[in-house]
Amino acid sequence: MSNSAEKQLERENEIRFLTLSDTYKDVYGKPTTEADEKYLQSSVKDIVSKVQKDEWDPKEVVRAYGRRALEAHEQTRCLSEILLD
């Protein structure tokens, strides 16, 4: 198996784990939600401000972007590394 094929298999196994395992399926095994959109539509400046003021949970922001990244990868195979949670 080539290095490229090994890397693809590793990436797909990581995605499978995030979307199907009992540990993460409730976080990454579902599509983005309406609640996620407030994070995804905000500027970095606004996100930082709201997190610093404890108005938003930073984990929820990262998880929203993680769900969006997994959706994009499903369509385009754009991710090279999976570093979520």
C-alpha atoms as a PDB file:
ATOM      1  CA  MET A   1       0.000   0.000   0.000  1.00  0.00           C
ATOM      2  CA  SER A   2       1.400   3.408  -0.944  1.00  0.00           C
ATOM      3  CA  ASN A   3       1.901   6.191   1.589  1.00  0.00           C
ATOM      4  CA  SER A   4      -0.931   8.112  -0.037  1.00  0.00           C
ATOM      5  CA  ALA A   5      -3.326   5.187   0.212  1.00  0.00           C
ATOM      6  CA  GLU A   6      -2.303   4.602   3.835  1.00  0.00           C
ATOM      7  CA  LYS A   7      -2.948   8.261   4.644  1.00  0.00           C
ATOM      8  CA  GLN A   8      -6.377   8.142   2.974  1.00  0.00           C
ATOM      9  CA  LEU A   9      -7.294   5.027   4.958  1.00  0.00           C
ATOM     10  CA  GLU A  10      -6.080   6.640   8.193  1.00  0.00           C
ATOM     11  CA  ARG A  11      -8.158   9.753   7.473  1.00  0.00           C
ATOM     12  CA  GLU A  12     -11.290   7.772   6.643  1.00  0.00           C
ATOM     13  CA  ASN A  13     -10.888   5.672   9.806  1.00  0.00           C
ATOM     14  CA  GLU A  14     -10.595   8.848  11.895  1.00  0.00           C
ATOM     15  CA  ILE A  15     -13.742  10.276  10.287  1.00  0.00           C
ATOM     16  CA  ARG A  16     -15.569   6.990  10.844  1.00  0.00           C
ATOM     17  CA  PHE A  17     -14.532   7.060  14.513  1.00  0.00           C
ATOM     18  CA  LEU A  18     -15.702  10.665  14.955  1.00  0.00           C
ATOM     19  CA  THR A  19     -19.046  10.108  13.265  1.00  0.00           C
ATOM     20  CA  LEU A  20     -19.926   6.610  14.487  1.00  0.00           C
ATOM     21  CA  SER A  21     -18.313   5.979  17.875  1.00  0.00           C
ATOM     22  CA  ASP A  22     -20.320   6.327  21.053  1.00  0.00           C
ATOM     23  CA  THR A  23     -17.747   8.878  22.217  1.00  0.00           C
ATOM     24  CA  TYR A  24     -18.254  11.397  19.407  1.00  0.00           C
ATOM     25  CA  LYS A  25     -21.274  10.477  17.265  1.00  0.00           C
ATOM     26  CA  ASP A  26     -23.541  12.930  19.113  1.00  0.00           C
ATOM     27  CA  VAL A  27     -21.051  15.710  18.320  1.00  0.00           C
ATOM     28  CA  TYR A  28     -19.739  14.933  14.823  1.00  0.00           C
ATOM     29  CA  GLY A  29     -22.161  12.291  13.566  1.00  0.00           C
ATOM     30  CA  LYS A  30     -24.823  14.871  12.764  1.00  0.00           C
ATOM     31  CA  PRO A  31     -24.994  17.769  10.305  1.00  0.00           C
ATOM     32  CA  THR A  32     -24.536  21.379  11.286  1.00  0.00           C
ATOM     33  CA  THR A  33     -27.528  22.864  13.049  1.00  0.00           C
ATOM     34  CA  GLU A  34     -29.262  26.218  13.069  1.00  0.00           C
ATOM     35  CA  ALA A  35     -27.507  26.876  16.377  1.00  0.00           C
ATOM     36  CA  ASP A  36     -24.135  26.299  14.650  1.00  0.00           C
ATOM     37  CA  GLU A  37     -24.900  28.999  12.111  1.00  0.00           C
ATOM     38  CA  LYS A  38     -24.465  31.789  14.660  1.00  0.00           C
ATOM     39  CA  TYR A  39     -20.828  30.702  15.026  1.00  0.00           C
ATOM     40  CA  LEU A  40     -20.247  29.939  11.361  1.00  0.00           C
ATOM     41  CA  GLN A  41     -21.650  33.273  10.202  1.00  0.00           C
ATOM     42  CA  SER A  42     -19.702  35.358  12.738  1.00  0.00           C
ATOM     43  CA  SER A  43     -16.401  37.094  12.194  1.00  0.00           C
ATOM     44  CA  VAL A  44     -13.316  35.956  14.064  1.00  0.00           C
ATOM     45  CA  LYS A  45     -13.384  39.228  15.975  1.00  0.00           C
ATOM     46  CA  ASP A  46     -16.956  38.581  17.155  1.00  0.00           C
ATOM     47  CA  ILE A  47     -16.219  34.962  18.063  1.00  0.00           C
ATOM     48  CA  VAL A  48     -13.187  35.937  20.147  1.00  0.00           C
ATOM     49  CA  SER A  49     -15.125  38.699  21.863  1.00  0.00           C
ATOM     50  CA  LYS A  50     -18.072  36.465  22.758  1.00  0.00           C
ATOM     51  CA  VAL A  51     -15.825  33.643  23.977  1.00  0.00           C
ATOM     52  CA  GLN A  52     -13.801  36.066  26.110  1.00  0.00           C
ATOM     53  CA  LYS A  53     -17.005  37.436  27.625  1.00  0.00           C
ATOM     54  CA  ASP A  54     -18.164  33.853  28.348  1.00  0.00           C
ATOM     55  CA  GLU A  55     -21.177  34.387  26.091  1.00  0.00           C
ATOM     56  CA  TRP A  56     -20.166  31.437  23.909  1.00  0.00           C
ATOM     57  CA  ASP A  57     -18.559  28.134  24.834  1.00  0.00           C
ATOM     58  CA  PRO A  58     -15.330  27.718  22.825  1.00  0.00           C
ATOM     59  CA  LYS A  59     -15.921  23.956  22.532  1.00  0.00           C
ATOM     60  CA  GLU A  60     -19.247  24.584  20.824  1.00  0.00           C
ATOM     61  CA  VAL A  61     -17.610  26.985  18.365  1.00  0.00           C
ATOM     62  CA  VAL A  62     -14.886  24.453  17.498  1.00  0.00           C
ATOM     63  CA  ARG A  63     -17.422  21.649  17.194  1.00  0.00           C
ATOM     64  CA  ALA A  64     -19.589  23.710  14.825  1.00  0.00           C
ATOM     65  CA  TYR A  65     -16.572  24.313  12.601  1.00  0.00           C
ATOM     66  CA  GLY A  66     -15.644  20.636  12.888  1.00  0.00           C
ATOM     67  CA  ARG A  67     -19.084  19.540  11.706  1.00  0.00           C
ATOM     68  CA  ARG A  68     -18.881  21.993   8.812  1.00  0.00           C
ATOM     69  CA  ALA A  69     -15.394  20.726   7.895  1.00  0.00           C
ATOM     70  CA  LEU A  70     -16.613  17.117   7.858  1.00  0.00           C
ATOM     71  CA  GLU A  71     -19.538  18.121   5.619  1.00  0.00           C
ATOM     72  CA  ALA A  72     -17.150  19.868   3.225  1.00  0.00           C
ATOM     73  CA  HIS A  73     -14.833  16.859   3.222  1.00  0.00           C
ATOM     74  CA  GLU A  74     -17.722  14.572   2.352  1.00  0.00           C
ATOM     75  CA  GLN A  75     -18.334  16.634  -0.785  1.00  0.00           C
ATOM     76  CA  THR A  76     -14.768  17.496  -1.807  1.00  0.00           C
ATOM     77  CA  ARG A  77     -12.284  15.296   0.077  1.00  0.00           C
ATOM     78  CA  CYS A  78     -10.571  18.517   1.173  1.00  0.00           C
ATOM     79  CA  LEU A  79      -9.178  17.521   4.579  1.00  0.00           C
ATOM     80  CA  SER A  80      -5.667  16.233   4.908  1.00  0.00           C
ATOM     81  CA  GLU A  81      -5.545  16.007   8.715  1.00  0.00           C
ATOM     82  CA  ILE A  82      -8.410  15.456  11.127  1.00  0.00           C
ATOM     83  CA  LEU A  83      -7.735  17.261  14.408  1.00  0.00           C
ATOM     84  CA  LEU A  84     -11.055  17.656  16.174  1.00  0.00           C
ATOM     85  CA  ASP A  85     -11.636  17.620  19.924  1.00  0.00           C
END
